Each structure stands twice: as C-alpha cells, then as structure tokens.
Amino acid sequence: MNCKQDKLFNLAGMQAAEKKLADIYTKMKAPEKFRCNYYDVPHSMGLQMQNDAFAWLEQWLK
C-alpha cells in the first residue's frame, strides 16, 4: 500500500521496492500473491486501504 502524496516516502522509492518484491514473488513462483496498490492520498491508512488489505489477507491467509 503506497500513498502517492506521501511526504515520508517518495514515489520512486516505492516503485523500486515494488519491483524488488514483485521479483522475489516471481522467483518463488507465486507472483499472484503479491499486490501493490497506490492511492492518491497523503501518508495514511484510510478505509479503502484497510478494506483492500483485509481482502488480500482473507484471500491468502484463510
């Protein structure tokens, strides 16, 4: 979960981390288990982000 307007973490750093993690999941033969979302908000954890996180957790940890 990344916030496009985040003042603590810049977009380039978030995208670099996303690529590294996606590569790791691909090497583990589980690319479908990795998801990276970007929200056009400042640093936060809003309701939509929470709903997305819980849906992902339910899908893969159920």
N, C-alpha and C. Protein backbone atom coordinates (compact mmCIF):
# COMPACT_ATOMS: atom_id res chain seq x y z
N MET A 1 0.84 -1.16 0.00
CA MET A 1 0.00 0.00 0.00
C MET A 1 0.89 1.23 0.00
N ASN A 2 0.69 2.06 -0.98
CA ASN A 2 1.51 3.25 -1.15
C ASN A 2 0.62 4.46 -1.37
N CYS A 3 1.03 5.56 -0.80
CA CYS A 3 0.30 6.81 -0.93
C CYS A 3 1.08 7.73 -1.86
N LYS A 4 0.47 8.11 -2.97
CA LYS A 4 1.16 8.92 -3.97
C LYS A 4 1.57 10.29 -3.46
N GLN A 5 0.86 10.81 -2.46
CA GLN A 5 1.17 12.13 -1.92
C GLN A 5 1.96 12.04 -0.62
N ASP A 6 2.56 10.90 -0.35
CA ASP A 6 3.29 10.68 0.89
C ASP A 6 4.50 11.60 0.97
N LYS A 7 4.67 12.26 2.10
CA LYS A 7 5.83 13.14 2.32
C LYS A 7 6.98 12.39 2.99
N LEU A 8 6.71 11.18 3.51
CA LEU A 8 7.75 10.40 4.18
C LEU A 8 8.51 9.49 3.20
N PHE A 9 7.81 9.00 2.18
CA PHE A 9 8.40 8.08 1.22
C PHE A 9 8.13 8.61 -0.18
N ASN A 10 9.17 8.69 -1.00
CA ASN A 10 8.95 9.23 -2.35
C ASN A 10 8.50 8.12 -3.31
N LEU A 11 7.84 8.54 -4.38
CA LEU A 11 7.25 7.62 -5.33
C LEU A 11 8.30 6.71 -5.97
N ALA A 12 9.45 7.26 -6.32
CA ALA A 12 10.50 6.44 -6.94
C ALA A 12 10.95 5.33 -6.00
N GLY A 13 11.08 5.62 -4.73
CA GLY A 13 11.46 4.60 -3.75
C GLY A 13 10.40 3.52 -3.61
N MET A 14 9.13 3.94 -3.60
CA MET A 14 8.04 2.98 -3.51
C MET A 14 8.01 2.07 -4.73
N GLN A 15 8.23 2.64 -5.90
CA GLN A 15 8.23 1.84 -7.12
C GLN A 15 9.42 0.89 -7.17
N ALA A 16 10.56 1.31 -6.67
CA ALA A 16 11.74 0.44 -6.62
C ALA A 16 11.48 -0.74 -5.68
N ALA A 17 10.88 -0.46 -4.53
CA ALA A 17 10.55 -1.53 -3.58
C ALA A 17 9.53 -2.49 -4.19
N GLU A 18 8.55 -1.94 -4.89
CA GLU A 18 7.55 -2.78 -5.54
C GLU A 18 8.21 -3.74 -6.53
N LYS A 19 9.13 -3.24 -7.33
CA LYS A 19 9.81 -4.10 -8.31
C LYS A 19 10.60 -5.21 -7.63
N LYS A 20 11.33 -4.86 -6.57
CA LYS A 20 12.11 -5.88 -5.85
C LYS A 20 11.20 -6.96 -5.28
N LEU A 21 10.10 -6.54 -4.66
CA LEU A 21 9.18 -7.53 -4.08
C LEU A 21 8.51 -8.37 -5.15
N ALA A 22 8.11 -7.74 -6.25
CA ALA A 22 7.48 -8.49 -7.34
C ALA A 22 8.46 -9.53 -7.88
N ASP A 23 9.72 -9.17 -8.03
CA ASP A 23 10.74 -10.11 -8.50
C ASP A 23 10.90 -11.29 -7.54
N ILE A 24 10.88 -11.01 -6.25
CA ILE A 24 11.00 -12.09 -5.24
C ILE A 24 9.83 -13.05 -5.35
N TYR A 25 8.61 -12.50 -5.42
CA TYR A 25 7.43 -13.37 -5.53
C TYR A 25 7.46 -14.18 -6.82
N THR A 26 7.95 -13.58 -7.89
CA THR A 26 8.06 -14.31 -9.15
C THR A 26 9.06 -15.45 -9.02
N LYS A 27 10.20 -15.20 -8.38
CA LYS A 27 11.20 -16.25 -8.18
C LYS A 27 10.65 -17.36 -7.30
N MET A 28 9.73 -17.04 -6.39
CA MET A 28 9.10 -18.04 -5.52
C MET A 28 7.96 -18.76 -6.23
N LYS A 29 7.75 -18.42 -7.51
CA LYS A 29 6.68 -19.00 -8.32
C LYS A 29 5.31 -18.71 -7.72
N ALA A 30 5.16 -17.50 -7.21
CA ALA A 30 3.89 -17.08 -6.61
C ALA A 30 3.59 -15.61 -6.91
N PRO A 31 3.73 -15.18 -8.16
CA PRO A 31 3.52 -13.75 -8.46
C PRO A 31 2.11 -13.28 -8.17
N GLU A 32 1.14 -14.18 -8.23
CA GLU A 32 -0.25 -13.80 -7.98
C GLU A 32 -0.51 -13.43 -6.51
N LYS A 33 0.42 -13.80 -5.64
CA LYS A 33 0.25 -13.50 -4.22
C LYS A 33 0.78 -12.13 -3.82
N PHE A 34 1.40 -11.45 -4.76
CA PHE A 34 1.91 -10.11 -4.49
C PHE A 34 1.02 -9.08 -5.16
N ARG A 35 0.68 -8.06 -4.39
CA ARG A 35 -0.10 -6.95 -4.96
C ARG A 35 0.43 -5.66 -4.36
N CYS A 36 0.53 -4.66 -5.17
CA CYS A 36 0.98 -3.34 -4.72
C CYS A 36 -0.04 -2.33 -5.21
N ASN A 37 -0.64 -1.61 -4.30
CA ASN A 37 -1.65 -0.61 -4.65
C ASN A 37 -1.11 0.78 -4.35
N TYR A 38 -1.51 1.72 -5.19
CA TYR A 38 -1.17 3.13 -5.00
C TYR A 38 -2.46 3.91 -4.82
N TYR A 39 -2.48 4.75 -3.81
CA TYR A 39 -3.65 5.57 -3.51
C TYR A 39 -3.23 7.03 -3.60
N ASP A 40 -4.07 7.86 -4.18
CA ASP A 40 -3.74 9.27 -4.38
C ASP A 40 -4.10 10.08 -3.13
N VAL A 41 -3.40 9.77 -2.05
CA VAL A 41 -3.62 10.41 -0.75
C VAL A 41 -2.29 10.64 -0.06
N PRO A 42 -2.25 11.50 0.97
CA PRO A 42 -1.04 11.63 1.79
C PRO A 42 -0.84 10.37 2.65
N HIS A 43 0.26 10.31 3.37
CA HIS A 43 0.58 9.18 4.25
C HIS A 43 -0.61 8.90 5.16
N SER A 44 -1.20 7.73 5.00
CA SER A 44 -2.41 7.40 5.77
C SER A 44 -2.73 5.92 5.62
N MET A 45 -3.79 5.52 6.28
CA MET A 45 -4.33 4.16 6.15
C MET A 45 -5.84 4.29 6.22
N GLY A 46 -6.42 4.82 5.14
CA GLY A 46 -7.84 5.10 5.08
C GLY A 46 -8.69 3.84 4.97
N LEU A 47 -9.99 4.05 4.98
CA LEU A 47 -10.93 2.93 4.96
C LEU A 47 -10.77 2.05 3.73
N GLN A 48 -10.61 2.65 2.55
CA GLN A 48 -10.44 1.84 1.34
C GLN A 48 -9.16 1.00 1.42
N MET A 49 -8.10 1.58 1.95
CA MET A 49 -6.85 0.85 2.10
C MET A 49 -7.02 -0.32 3.08
N GLN A 50 -7.73 -0.07 4.16
CA GLN A 50 -7.98 -1.13 5.15
C GLN A 50 -8.80 -2.25 4.52
N ASN A 51 -9.84 -1.89 3.78
CA ASN A 51 -10.66 -2.90 3.12
C ASN A 51 -9.85 -3.72 2.14
N ASP A 52 -9.00 -3.07 1.37
CA ASP A 52 -8.14 -3.78 0.41
C ASP A 52 -7.18 -4.72 1.14
N ALA A 53 -6.61 -4.26 2.23
CA ALA A 53 -5.66 -5.08 3.00
C ALA A 53 -6.36 -6.31 3.58
N PHE A 54 -7.52 -6.11 4.18
CA PHE A 54 -8.24 -7.25 4.77
C PHE A 54 -8.69 -8.24 3.71
N ALA A 55 -9.09 -7.75 2.54
CA ALA A 55 -9.49 -8.66 1.45
C ALA A 55 -8.31 -9.50 1.00
N TRP A 56 -7.12 -8.87 0.88
CA TRP A 56 -5.92 -9.62 0.47
C TRP A 56 -5.57 -10.65 1.53
N LEU A 57 -5.59 -10.25 2.79
CA LEU A 57 -5.26 -11.19 3.87
C LEU A 57 -6.24 -12.35 3.91
N GLU A 58 -7.51 -12.06 3.74
CA GLU A 58 -8.52 -13.12 3.74
C GLU A 58 -8.29 -14.09 2.57
N GLN A 59 -7.96 -13.54 1.41
CA GLN A 59 -7.74 -14.39 0.24
C GLN A 59 -6.57 -15.34 0.43
N TRP A 60 -5.46 -14.84 0.99
CA TRP A 60 -4.24 -15.64 1.03
C TRP A 60 -3.94 -16.30 2.37
N LEU A 61 -4.56 -15.87 3.44
CA LEU A 61 -4.27 -16.46 4.75
C LEU A 61 -5.44 -17.24 5.33
N LYS A 62 -6.51 -17.32 4.59
CA LYS A 62 -7.72 -18.00 5.06
C LYS A 62 -7.49 -19.50 5.18
